[in-house]
C-alpha cells in the first residue's frame, strides 16, 4: 500500500494495562487487527490471531511485532465463514492459553458495488454475511465457556452501521447488525461479569480499502477531521475496552469517526 499504513510500529507505547491477558483477535494479519495485536502485546498480553492462507506473509509481520514486544504470538490460518474453523480456533486458544480473557471479532469482508443492490450477487451477499456475522456469532458462542469473569468481548462495527452508503449496502447491513448483537449480548452476559462492547471506526487506511474500492485518492476526506485514519488510531479504543479501566462499561459502542456524530 502507498502510503504504508501506520500500525503503531514506532509510536505505540504500552503501560501494562493488559498484563498477562490471553487475547484472540480475528483478522490480525493487517489493518486494525494488526494494530490491536501490536498494542495488546505492548500492554502485556499474549496474542492469538487469525489470517487467511493468502495473507501468510502479512501474518508473519504481525508475529514479529508481538514477539518483539516480548509476548507470545500464535497465528492461525482460519476462515471464520465456516463453523468448524471457528471451533478449531477456540479449541486451539484453550489448548495454548487455557482461557480467553479478551475476544476481538474484527475480521470482515466488503466489496464496493456502485450499482447497489442490483450488482450484489448472492455469492457476495453470502460471503459478507458469513464473514461479518456468522463468524462473530459462532466465536462468541464457542468462546463463552472459556471467558472468565472480568473478561471482555469487543466487536468491530463501523460508521456504515449508522450511515450506510449504497455501494456498501450488504457490508453496512452487517455492521448495523453487529451493533444490535453487541448490545444484546452485553445484556445477556452482564450477570456473568463479562463485558461486551464495540468500536465503530470511520474511514481507516487498511488493505480492505484499495482491494475493494475502485477510487481511493480522496478516501477519508469526507470525515470532518479532513483525512483518513491510520490503524494505530483505532487501537487505543480496543485497549481501553479490554482493560479494567473500562470495568463499568458494557453494551457501548466507541465511535472513532474523525468527527462524524453518531447515535
C-alpha atoms as a PDB file:
ATOM      1  CA  UNK A   1       0.000   0.000   0.000  1.00  0.00           C
ATOM      2  CA  UNK A   2       1.182   3.509  -0.787  1.00  0.00           C
ATOM      3  CA  UNK A   3       1.422   5.129   1.649  1.00  0.00           C
ATOM      4  CA  UNK A   4       2.036   2.261   4.041  1.00  0.00           C
ATOM      5  CA  UNK A   5      -0.449   2.074   6.934  1.00  0.00           C
ATOM      6  CA  UNK A   6       0.758   3.005  10.402  1.00  0.00           C
ATOM      7  CA  UNK A   7       0.008   0.248  12.913  1.00  0.00           C
ATOM      8  CA  UNK A   8       1.936   1.906  15.725  1.00  0.00           C
ATOM      9  CA  UNK A   9       5.238   0.228  14.984  1.00  0.00           C
ATOM     10  CA  UNK A  10       7.180   3.332  16.001  1.00  0.00           C
ATOM     11  CA  UNK A  11       4.632   5.210  18.080  1.00  0.00           C
ATOM     12  CA  UNK A  12       2.550   2.966  20.332  1.00  0.00           C
ATOM     13  CA  UNK A  13       3.785   2.775  23.918  1.00  0.00           C
ATOM     14  CA  UNK A  14       2.281   0.280  26.350  1.00  0.00           C
ATOM     15  CA  UNK A  15       1.605   0.849  30.043  1.00  0.00           C
ATOM     16  CA  UNK A  16       0.860  -2.654  31.321  1.00  0.00           C
ATOM     17  CA  UNK A  17      -2.913  -2.333  31.043  1.00  0.00           C
ATOM     18  CA  UNK A  18      -3.328  -5.933  29.830  1.00  0.00           C
ATOM     19  CA  UNK A  19      -0.543  -7.690  31.709  1.00  0.00           C
ATOM     20  CA  UNK A  20      -0.653 -11.465  31.162  1.00  0.00           C
ATOM     21  CA  UNK A  21      -4.043 -11.380  29.449  1.00  0.00           C
ATOM     22  CA  UNK A  22      -4.747 -14.052  26.834  1.00  0.00           C
ATOM     23  CA  UNK A  23      -6.319 -12.477  23.778  1.00  0.00           C
ATOM     24  CA  UNK A  24      -7.798 -13.716  20.492  1.00  0.00           C
ATOM     25  CA  UNK A  25      -8.168 -11.375  17.507  1.00  0.00           C
ATOM     26  CA  UNK A  26      -9.728 -12.288  14.168  1.00  0.00           C
ATOM     27  CA  UNK A  27      -8.204 -10.684  11.106  1.00  0.00           C
ATOM     28  CA  UNK A  28      -4.993  -9.784  12.905  1.00  0.00           C
ATOM     29  CA  UNK A  29      -2.632 -10.039   9.948  1.00  0.00           C
ATOM     30  CA  UNK A  30      -3.078  -6.414   8.830  1.00  0.00           C
ATOM     31  CA  UNK A  31      -5.029  -3.207   9.287  1.00  0.00           C
ATOM     32  CA  UNK A  32      -6.901  -2.593  12.518  1.00  0.00           C
ATOM     33  CA  UNK A  33      -6.338  -6.184  13.614  1.00  0.00           C
ATOM     34  CA  UNK A  34      -2.562  -5.837  13.390  1.00  0.00           C
ATOM     35  CA  UNK A  35      -2.632  -2.512  15.220  1.00  0.00           C
ATOM     36  CA  UNK A  36      -4.690  -4.079  18.024  1.00  0.00           C
ATOM     37  CA  UNK A  37      -2.396  -7.111  18.212  1.00  0.00           C
ATOM     38  CA  UNK A  38       0.662  -4.853  18.488  1.00  0.00           C
ATOM     39  CA  UNK A  39      -0.983  -2.644  21.118  1.00  0.00           C
ATOM     40  CA  UNK A  40      -2.176  -5.626  23.165  1.00  0.00           C
ATOM     41  CA  UNK A  41       1.311  -7.125  23.140  1.00  0.00           C
ATOM     42  CA  UNK A  42       2.901  -3.863  24.236  1.00  0.00           C
ATOM     43  CA  UNK A  43       0.304  -3.672  27.007  1.00  0.00           C
ATOM     44  CA  UNK A  44       1.492  -7.085  28.231  1.00  0.00           C
ATOM     45  CA  UNK A  45      -0.908  -9.553  26.585  1.00  0.00           C
ATOM     46  CA  UNK A  46      -0.286 -12.759  24.664  1.00  0.00           C
ATOM     47  CA  UNK A  47      -1.962 -12.718  21.268  1.00  0.00           C
ATOM     48  CA  UNK A  48      -3.554 -15.362  19.065  1.00  0.00           C
ATOM     49  CA  UNK A  49      -4.839 -14.055  15.757  1.00  0.00           C
ATOM     50  CA  UNK A  50      -6.374 -15.379  12.564  1.00  0.00           C
ATOM     51  CA  UNK A  51      -5.396 -14.812   8.967  1.00  0.00           C
ATOM     52  CA  UNK A  52      -6.350 -16.229   5.586  1.00  0.00           C
ATOM     53  CA  UNK A  53      -3.847 -18.518   3.809  1.00  0.00           C
ATOM     54  CA  UNK A  54      -3.068 -15.925   1.145  1.00  0.00           C
ATOM     55  CA  UNK A  55      -2.029 -13.459   3.870  1.00  0.00           C
ATOM     56  CA  UNK A  56       0.707 -15.615   5.405  1.00  0.00           C
ATOM     57  CA  UNK A  57       3.460 -13.064   4.750  1.00  0.00           C
ATOM     58  CA  UNK A  58       1.409 -10.353   6.456  1.00  0.00           C
ATOM     59  CA  UNK A  59       0.747 -12.680   9.377  1.00  0.00           C
ATOM     60  CA  UNK A  60       4.484 -13.209   9.803  1.00  0.00           C
ATOM     61  CA  UNK A  61       4.922  -9.465  10.206  1.00  0.00           C
ATOM     62  CA  UNK A  62       2.310  -9.363  12.969  1.00  0.00           C
ATOM     63  CA  UNK A  63       4.003 -12.285  14.715  1.00  0.00           C
ATOM     64  CA  UNK A  64       7.291 -10.387  14.668  1.00  0.00           C
ATOM     65  CA  UNK A  65       5.700  -7.270  16.153  1.00  0.00           C
ATOM     66  CA  UNK A  66       4.097  -9.221  19.015  1.00  0.00           C
ATOM     67  CA  UNK A  67       7.265 -11.171  19.747  1.00  0.00           C
ATOM     68  CA  UNK A  68       9.379  -8.010  19.614  1.00  0.00           C
ATOM     69  CA  UNK A  69       7.172  -6.756  22.446  1.00  0.00           C
ATOM     70  CA  UNK A  70       8.181  -9.797  24.479  1.00  0.00           C
ATOM     71  CA  UNK A  71       4.849 -11.577  24.275  1.00  0.00           C
ATOM     72  CA  UNK A  72       3.681 -14.854  22.787  1.00  0.00           C
ATOM     73  CA  UNK A  73       2.202 -14.759  19.277  1.00  0.00           C
ATOM     74  CA  UNK A  74       0.147 -17.572  17.764  1.00  0.00           C
ATOM     75  CA  UNK A  75      -1.073 -17.163  14.180  1.00  0.00           C
ATOM     76  CA  UNK A  76      -3.897 -19.422  12.989  1.00  0.00           C
ATOM     77  CA  UNK A  77      -4.871 -19.789   9.345  1.00  0.00           C
ATOM     78  CA  UNK A  78      -8.639 -19.744   9.734  1.00  0.00           C
ATOM     79  CA  UNK A  79     -11.636 -18.867   7.580  1.00  0.00           C
ATOM     80  CA  UNK A  80     -14.335 -17.857  10.060  1.00  0.00           C
ATOM     81  CA  UNK A  81     -17.060 -18.276   7.431  1.00  0.00           C
ATOM     82  CA  UNK A  82     -17.141 -21.924   8.453  1.00  0.00           C
ATOM     83  CA  UNK A  83     -18.359 -23.168  11.822  1.00  0.00           C
ATOM     84  CA  UNK A  84     -15.781 -25.939  12.075  1.00  0.00           C
ATOM     85  CA  UNK A  85     -12.998 -23.400  11.554  1.00  0.00           C
ATOM     86  CA  UNK A  86     -14.306 -21.287  14.424  1.00  0.00           C
ATOM     87  CA  UNK A  87     -14.490 -24.394  16.590  1.00  0.00           C
ATOM     88  CA  UNK A  88     -10.876 -25.216  15.726  1.00  0.00           C
ATOM     89  CA  UNK A  89      -9.765 -21.690  16.608  1.00  0.00           C
ATOM     90  CA  UNK A  90     -11.379 -21.748  20.039  1.00  0.00           C
ATOM     91  CA  UNK A  91     -10.004 -25.213  20.752  1.00  0.00           C
ATOM     92  CA  UNK A  92      -6.513 -24.027  19.843  1.00  0.00           C
ATOM     93  CA  UNK A  93      -6.860 -20.946  22.052  1.00  0.00           C
ATOM     94  CA  UNK A  94      -7.895 -23.086  25.011  1.00  0.00           C
ATOM     95  CA  UNK A  95      -5.104 -25.592  24.326  1.00  0.00           C
ATOM     96  CA  UNK A  96      -2.418 -22.905  24.109  1.00  0.00           C
ATOM     97  CA  UNK A  97      -3.685 -20.268  26.532  1.00  0.00           C
ATOM     98  CA  UNK A  98      -6.024 -22.134  28.884  1.00  0.00           C
ATOM     99  CA  UNK A  99      -8.571 -19.328  28.718  1.00  0.00           C
ATOM    100  CA  UNK A 100      -9.657 -16.350  26.602  1.00  0.00           C
ATOM    101  CA  UNK A 101      -9.590 -13.080  28.521  1.00  0.00           C
ATOM    102  CA  UNK A 102     -10.368 -10.898  25.510  1.00  0.00           C
ATOM    103  CA  UNK A 103     -12.066 -11.885  22.245  1.00  0.00           C
ATOM    104  CA  UNK A 104     -11.871  -9.315  19.445  1.00  0.00           C
ATOM    105  CA  UNK A 105     -14.173 -10.023  16.494  1.00  0.00           C
ATOM    106  CA  UNK A 106     -12.512  -7.875  13.854  1.00  0.00           C
ATOM    107  CA  UNK A 107     -12.313  -9.875  10.609  1.00  0.00           C
ATOM    108  CA  UNK A 108     -14.576  -8.510   7.892  1.00  0.00           C
ATOM    109  CA  UNK A 109     -15.212  -8.541   4.164  1.00  0.00           C
ATOM    110  CA  UNK A 110     -16.620  -5.861   1.879  1.00  0.00           C
ATOM    111  CA  UNK A 111     -16.809  -5.210  -1.844  1.00  0.00           C
ATOM    112  CA  UNK A 112     -17.996  -1.909  -3.283  1.00  0.00           C
ATOM    113  CA  UNK A 113     -20.842  -2.185  -5.801  1.00  0.00           C
ATOM    114  CA  UNK A 114     -21.672   1.222  -7.352  1.00  0.00           C
ATOM    115  CA  UNK A 115     -24.942  -0.140  -8.726  1.00  0.00           C
ATOM    116  CA  UNK A 116     -26.022  -1.024  -5.194  1.00  0.00           C
ATOM    117  CA  UNK A 117     -28.409  -3.943  -4.780  1.00  0.00           C
ATOM    118  CA  UNK A 118     -28.642  -4.786  -8.490  1.00  0.00           C
ATOM    119  CA  UNK A 119     -24.935  -5.620  -8.579  1.00  0.00           C
ATOM    120  CA  UNK A 120     -24.746  -7.608  -5.344  1.00  0.00           C
ATOM    121  CA  UNK A 121     -24.691 -11.297  -6.166  1.00  0.00           C
ATOM    122  CA  UNK A 122     -25.991 -13.954  -3.842  1.00  0.00           C
ATOM    123  CA  UNK A 123     -22.441 -15.299  -3.566  1.00  0.00           C
ATOM    124  CA  UNK A 124     -21.116 -11.920  -2.432  1.00  0.00           C
ATOM    125  CA  UNK A 125     -24.012 -11.389  -0.021  1.00  0.00           C
ATOM    126  CA  UNK A 126     -23.403 -14.820   1.481  1.00  0.00           C
ATOM    127  CA  UNK A 127     -19.669 -14.164   1.871  1.00  0.00           C
ATOM    128  CA  UNK A 128     -20.256 -10.837   3.609  1.00  0.00           C
ATOM    129  CA  UNK A 129     -22.857 -12.263   5.960  1.00  0.00           C
ATOM    130  CA  UNK A 130     -20.860 -15.346   6.854  1.00  0.00           C
ATOM    131  CA  UNK A 131     -17.620 -13.441   7.423  1.00  0.00           C
ATOM    132  CA  UNK A 132     -19.029 -10.463   9.300  1.00  0.00           C
ATOM    133  CA  UNK A 133     -21.896 -12.061  11.244  1.00  0.00           C
ATOM    134  CA  UNK A 134     -21.778 -15.852  11.326  1.00  0.00           C
ATOM    135  CA  UNK A 135     -18.136 -15.953  12.386  1.00  0.00           C
ATOM    136  CA  UNK A 136     -18.754 -13.470  15.188  1.00  0.00           C
ATOM    137  CA  UNK A 137     -21.792 -15.422  16.393  1.00  0.00           C
ATOM    138  CA  UNK A 138     -20.004 -18.773  16.394  1.00  0.00           C
ATOM    139  CA  UNK A 139     -16.894 -17.460  18.104  1.00  0.00           C
ATOM    140  CA  UNK A 140     -18.830 -15.725  20.866  1.00  0.00           C
ATOM    141  CA  UNK A 141     -20.898 -18.832  21.463  1.00  0.00           C
ATOM    142  CA  UNK A 142     -17.925 -21.202  21.448  1.00  0.00           C
ATOM    143  CA  UNK A 143     -15.562 -18.972  23.416  1.00  0.00           C
ATOM    144  CA  UNK A 144     -18.045 -18.139  26.157  1.00  0.00           C
ATOM    145  CA  UNK A 145     -17.307 -21.168  28.389  1.00  0.00           C
ATOM    146  CA  UNK A 146     -13.637 -20.162  28.361  1.00  0.00           C
ATOM    147  CA  UNK A 147     -14.020 -16.443  29.122  1.00  0.00           C
ATOM    148  CA  UNK A 148     -13.623 -15.865  32.861  1.00  0.00           C
ATOM    149  CA  UNK A 149     -15.424 -13.279  34.954  1.00  0.00           C
ATOM    150  CA  UNK A 150     -13.842  -9.951  34.158  1.00  0.00           C
ATOM    151  CA  UNK A 151     -13.313 -10.976  30.547  1.00  0.00           C
ATOM    152  CA  UNK A 152     -14.276  -8.936  27.542  1.00  0.00           C
ATOM    153  CA  UNK A 153     -15.701  -9.283  24.028  1.00  0.00           C
ATOM    154  CA  UNK A 154     -15.055  -6.442  21.583  1.00  0.00           C
ATOM    155  CA  UNK A 155     -16.725  -6.346  18.173  1.00  0.00           C
ATOM    156  CA  UNK A 156     -15.639  -4.138  15.285  1.00  0.00           C
ATOM    157  CA  UNK A 157     -18.609  -2.401  13.708  1.00  0.00           C
ATOM    158  CA  UNK A 158     -18.412   0.741  11.521  1.00  0.00           C
ATOM    159  CA  UNK A 159     -19.791   4.162  10.767  1.00  0.00           C
ATOM    160  CA  UNK A 160     -21.563   2.252   7.973  1.00  0.00           C
ATOM    161  CA  UNK A 161     -23.768   0.656  10.621  1.00  0.00           C
ATOM    162  CA  UNK A 162     -25.289   4.104  11.263  1.00  0.00           C
ATOM    163  CA  UNK A 163     -24.806   5.900   7.944  1.00  0.00           C
ATOM    164  CA  UNK A 164     -24.895   3.231   5.206  1.00  0.00           C
ATOM    165  CA  UNK A 165     -23.532   4.056   1.783  1.00  0.00           C
ATOM    166  CA  UNK A 166     -25.468   2.481  -1.125  1.00  0.00           C
ATOM    167  CA  UNK A 167     -22.339   0.983  -2.695  1.00  0.00           C
ATOM    168  CA  UNK A 168     -21.651  -0.917   0.553  1.00  0.00           C
ATOM    169  CA  UNK A 169     -25.224  -1.990   1.237  1.00  0.00           C
ATOM    170  CA  UNK A 170     -24.518  -5.570   2.277  1.00  0.00           C
ATOM    171  CA  UNK A 171     -21.469  -4.639   4.362  1.00  0.00           C
ATOM    172  CA  UNK A 172     -23.352  -1.820   6.076  1.00  0.00           C
ATOM    173  CA  UNK A 173     -26.193  -4.206   6.865  1.00  0.00           C
ATOM    174  CA  UNK A 174     -23.825  -6.477   8.767  1.00  0.00           C
ATOM    175  CA  UNK A 175     -22.284  -3.565  10.653  1.00  0.00           C
ATOM    176  CA  UNK A 176     -25.721  -2.447  11.827  1.00  0.00           C
ATOM    177  CA  UNK A 177     -26.425  -5.989  12.952  1.00  0.00           C
ATOM    178  CA  UNK A 178     -23.151  -6.075  14.889  1.00  0.00           C
ATOM    179  CA  UNK A 179     -24.262  -3.042  16.906  1.00  0.00           C
ATOM    180  CA  UNK A 180     -27.514  -4.778  17.851  1.00  0.00           C
ATOM    181  CA  UNK A 181     -25.755  -8.074  18.573  1.00  0.00           C
ATOM    182  CA  UNK A 182     -23.201  -6.337  20.795  1.00  0.00           C
ATOM    183  CA  UNK A 183     -25.806  -4.584  22.896  1.00  0.00           C
ATOM    184  CA  UNK A 184     -27.985  -7.678  23.193  1.00  0.00           C
ATOM    185  CA  UNK A 185     -25.113  -9.975  24.128  1.00  0.00           C
ATOM    186  CA  UNK A 186     -23.907  -7.448  26.709  1.00  0.00           C
ATOM    187  CA  UNK A 187     -27.255  -7.617  28.465  1.00  0.00           C
ATOM    188  CA  UNK A 188     -27.144 -11.412  28.339  1.00  0.00           C
ATOM    189  CA  UNK A 189     -23.663 -11.680  29.855  1.00  0.00           C
ATOM    190  CA  UNK A 190     -23.709  -8.892  32.421  1.00  0.00           C
ATOM    191  CA  UNK A 191     -24.585 -11.276  35.257  1.00  0.00           C
ATOM    192  CA  UNK A 192     -21.556 -13.406  34.370  1.00  0.00           C
ATOM    193  CA  UNK A 193     -19.235 -10.435  34.727  1.00  0.00           C
ATOM    194  CA  UNK A 194     -18.301 -10.438  31.038  1.00  0.00           C
ATOM    195  CA  UNK A 195     -18.385  -7.112  29.252  1.00  0.00           C
ATOM    196  CA  UNK A 196     -19.342  -6.772  25.565  1.00  0.00           C
ATOM    197  CA  UNK A 197     -18.616  -3.581  23.645  1.00  0.00           C
ATOM    198  CA  UNK A 198     -17.859  -2.421  20.133  1.00  0.00           C
ATOM    199  CA  UNK A 199     -15.752   0.038  18.184  1.00  0.00           C
ATOM    200  CA  UNK A 200     -17.192   1.884  15.183  1.00  0.00           C
ATOM    201  CA  UNK A 201     -14.362   3.221  13.003  1.00  0.00           C
ATOM    202  CA  UNK A 202     -14.854   5.822  10.329  1.00  0.00           C
ATOM    203  CA  UNK A 203     -12.597   5.720   7.244  1.00  0.00           C
ATOM    204  CA  UNK A 204      -9.367   3.859   8.075  1.00  0.00           C
ATOM    205  CA  UNK A 205      -6.443   3.191   5.720  1.00  0.00           C
ATOM    206  CA  UNK A 206      -6.310  -0.620   5.658  1.00  0.00           C
ATOM    207  CA  UNK A 207      -5.750  -3.192   2.869  1.00  0.00           C
ATOM    208  CA  UNK A 208      -9.517  -3.668   2.711  1.00  0.00           C
ATOM    209  CA  UNK A 209      -9.869  -0.229   1.109  1.00  0.00           C
ATOM    210  CA  UNK A 210      -7.710  -0.379  -2.053  1.00  0.00           C
ATOM    211  CA  UNK A 211      -8.649  -4.025  -2.603  1.00  0.00           C
ATOM    212  CA  UNK A 212     -12.412  -3.390  -2.579  1.00  0.00           C
ATOM    213  CA  UNK A 213     -12.980   0.271  -3.519  1.00  0.00           C
ATOM    214  CA  UNK A 214     -12.026   1.390  -7.058  1.00  0.00           C
ATOM    215  CA  UNK A 215     -11.112   5.017  -6.292  1.00  0.00           C
ATOM    216  CA  UNK A 216      -9.230   5.791  -3.087  1.00  0.00           C
ATOM    217  CA  UNK A 217      -7.403   9.059  -3.805  1.00  0.00           C
ATOM    218  CA  UNK A 218      -9.918  11.083  -1.801  1.00  0.00           C
ATOM    219  CA  UNK A 219     -10.816   8.363   0.674  1.00  0.00           C
ATOM    220  CA  UNK A 220     -11.298   9.755   4.163  1.00  0.00           C
ATOM    221  CA  UNK A 221     -11.778  13.374   3.137  1.00  0.00           C
ATOM    222  CA  UNK A 222     -15.468  13.054   3.971  1.00  0.00           C
ATOM    223  CA  UNK A 223     -14.629  12.913   7.674  1.00  0.00           C
ATOM    224  CA  UNK A 224     -14.921  16.314   9.411  1.00  0.00           C
ATOM    225  CA  UNK A 225     -11.309  15.940  10.528  1.00  0.00           C
ATOM    226  CA  UNK A 226     -10.429  16.006   6.825  1.00  0.00           C
ATOM    227  CA  UNK A 227      -8.313  12.869   6.485  1.00  0.00           C
ATOM    228  CA  UNK A 228      -8.302   9.112   6.674  1.00  0.00           C
ATOM    229  CA  UNK A 229      -7.387   7.469   9.993  1.00  0.00           C
ATOM    230  CA  UNK A 230      -4.433   5.158  10.450  1.00  0.00           C
ATOM    231  CA  UNK A 231      -4.948   1.734  12.079  1.00  0.00           C
ATOM    232  CA  UNK A 232      -2.904   2.802  15.124  1.00  0.00           C
ATOM    233  CA  UNK A 233      -5.510   5.472  15.860  1.00  0.00           C
ATOM    234  CA  UNK A 234      -8.124   2.755  16.424  1.00  0.00           C
ATOM    235  CA  UNK A 235      -6.011   0.625  18.759  1.00  0.00           C
ATOM    236  CA  UNK A 236      -6.401   2.705  21.970  1.00  0.00           C
ATOM    237  CA  UNK A 237     -10.178   2.169  21.943  1.00  0.00           C
ATOM    238  CA  UNK A 238      -9.682  -1.601  21.856  1.00  0.00           C
ATOM    239  CA  UNK A 239      -7.087  -1.403  24.630  1.00  0.00           C
ATOM    240  CA  UNK A 240      -9.365   0.689  26.834  1.00  0.00           C
ATOM    241  CA  UNK A 241     -12.370  -1.591  26.373  1.00  0.00           C
ATOM    242  CA  UNK A 242     -10.258  -4.669  27.148  1.00  0.00           C
ATOM    243  CA  UNK A 243      -8.761  -3.167  30.298  1.00  0.00           C
ATOM    244  CA  UNK A 244     -10.170  -2.976  33.813  1.00  0.00           C
ATOM    245  CA  UNK A 245     -10.220   0.785  33.406  1.00  0.00           C
ATOM    246  CA  UNK A 246     -13.405   0.098  31.432  1.00  0.00           C
ATOM    247  CA  UNK A 247     -14.796  -2.189  34.133  1.00  0.00           C
ATOM    248  CA  UNK A 248     -18.047  -0.202  34.354  1.00  0.00           C
ATOM    249  CA  UNK A 249     -18.568  -0.066  30.603  1.00  0.00           C
ATOM    250  CA  UNK A 250     -20.603  -2.626  28.685  1.00  0.00           C
ATOM    251  CA  UNK A 251     -23.132  -2.513  25.820  1.00  0.00           C
ATOM    252  CA  UNK A 252     -21.356   0.573  24.458  1.00  0.00           C
ATOM    253  CA  UNK A 253     -20.056   1.466  21.013  1.00  0.00           C
ATOM    254  CA  UNK A 254     -16.963   3.665  20.918  1.00  0.00           C
ATOM    255  CA  UNK A 255     -17.234   5.841  17.819  1.00  0.00           C
ATOM    256  CA  UNK A 256     -13.893   6.680  16.200  1.00  0.00           C
ATOM    257  CA  UNK A 257     -15.112   8.558  13.155  1.00  0.00           C
ATOM    258  CA  UNK A 258     -12.992  11.662  12.872  1.00  0.00           C
ATOM    259  CA  UNK A 259     -15.733  13.989  13.998  1.00  0.00           C
ATOM    260  CA  UNK A 260     -18.896  12.492  12.484  1.00  0.00           C
ATOM    261  CA  UNK A 261     -21.528  12.384  15.260  1.00  0.00           C
ATOM    262  CA  UNK A 262     -23.245   9.026  15.645  1.00  0.00           C
ATOM    263  CA  UNK A 263     -26.162   7.979  17.882  1.00  0.00           C
END
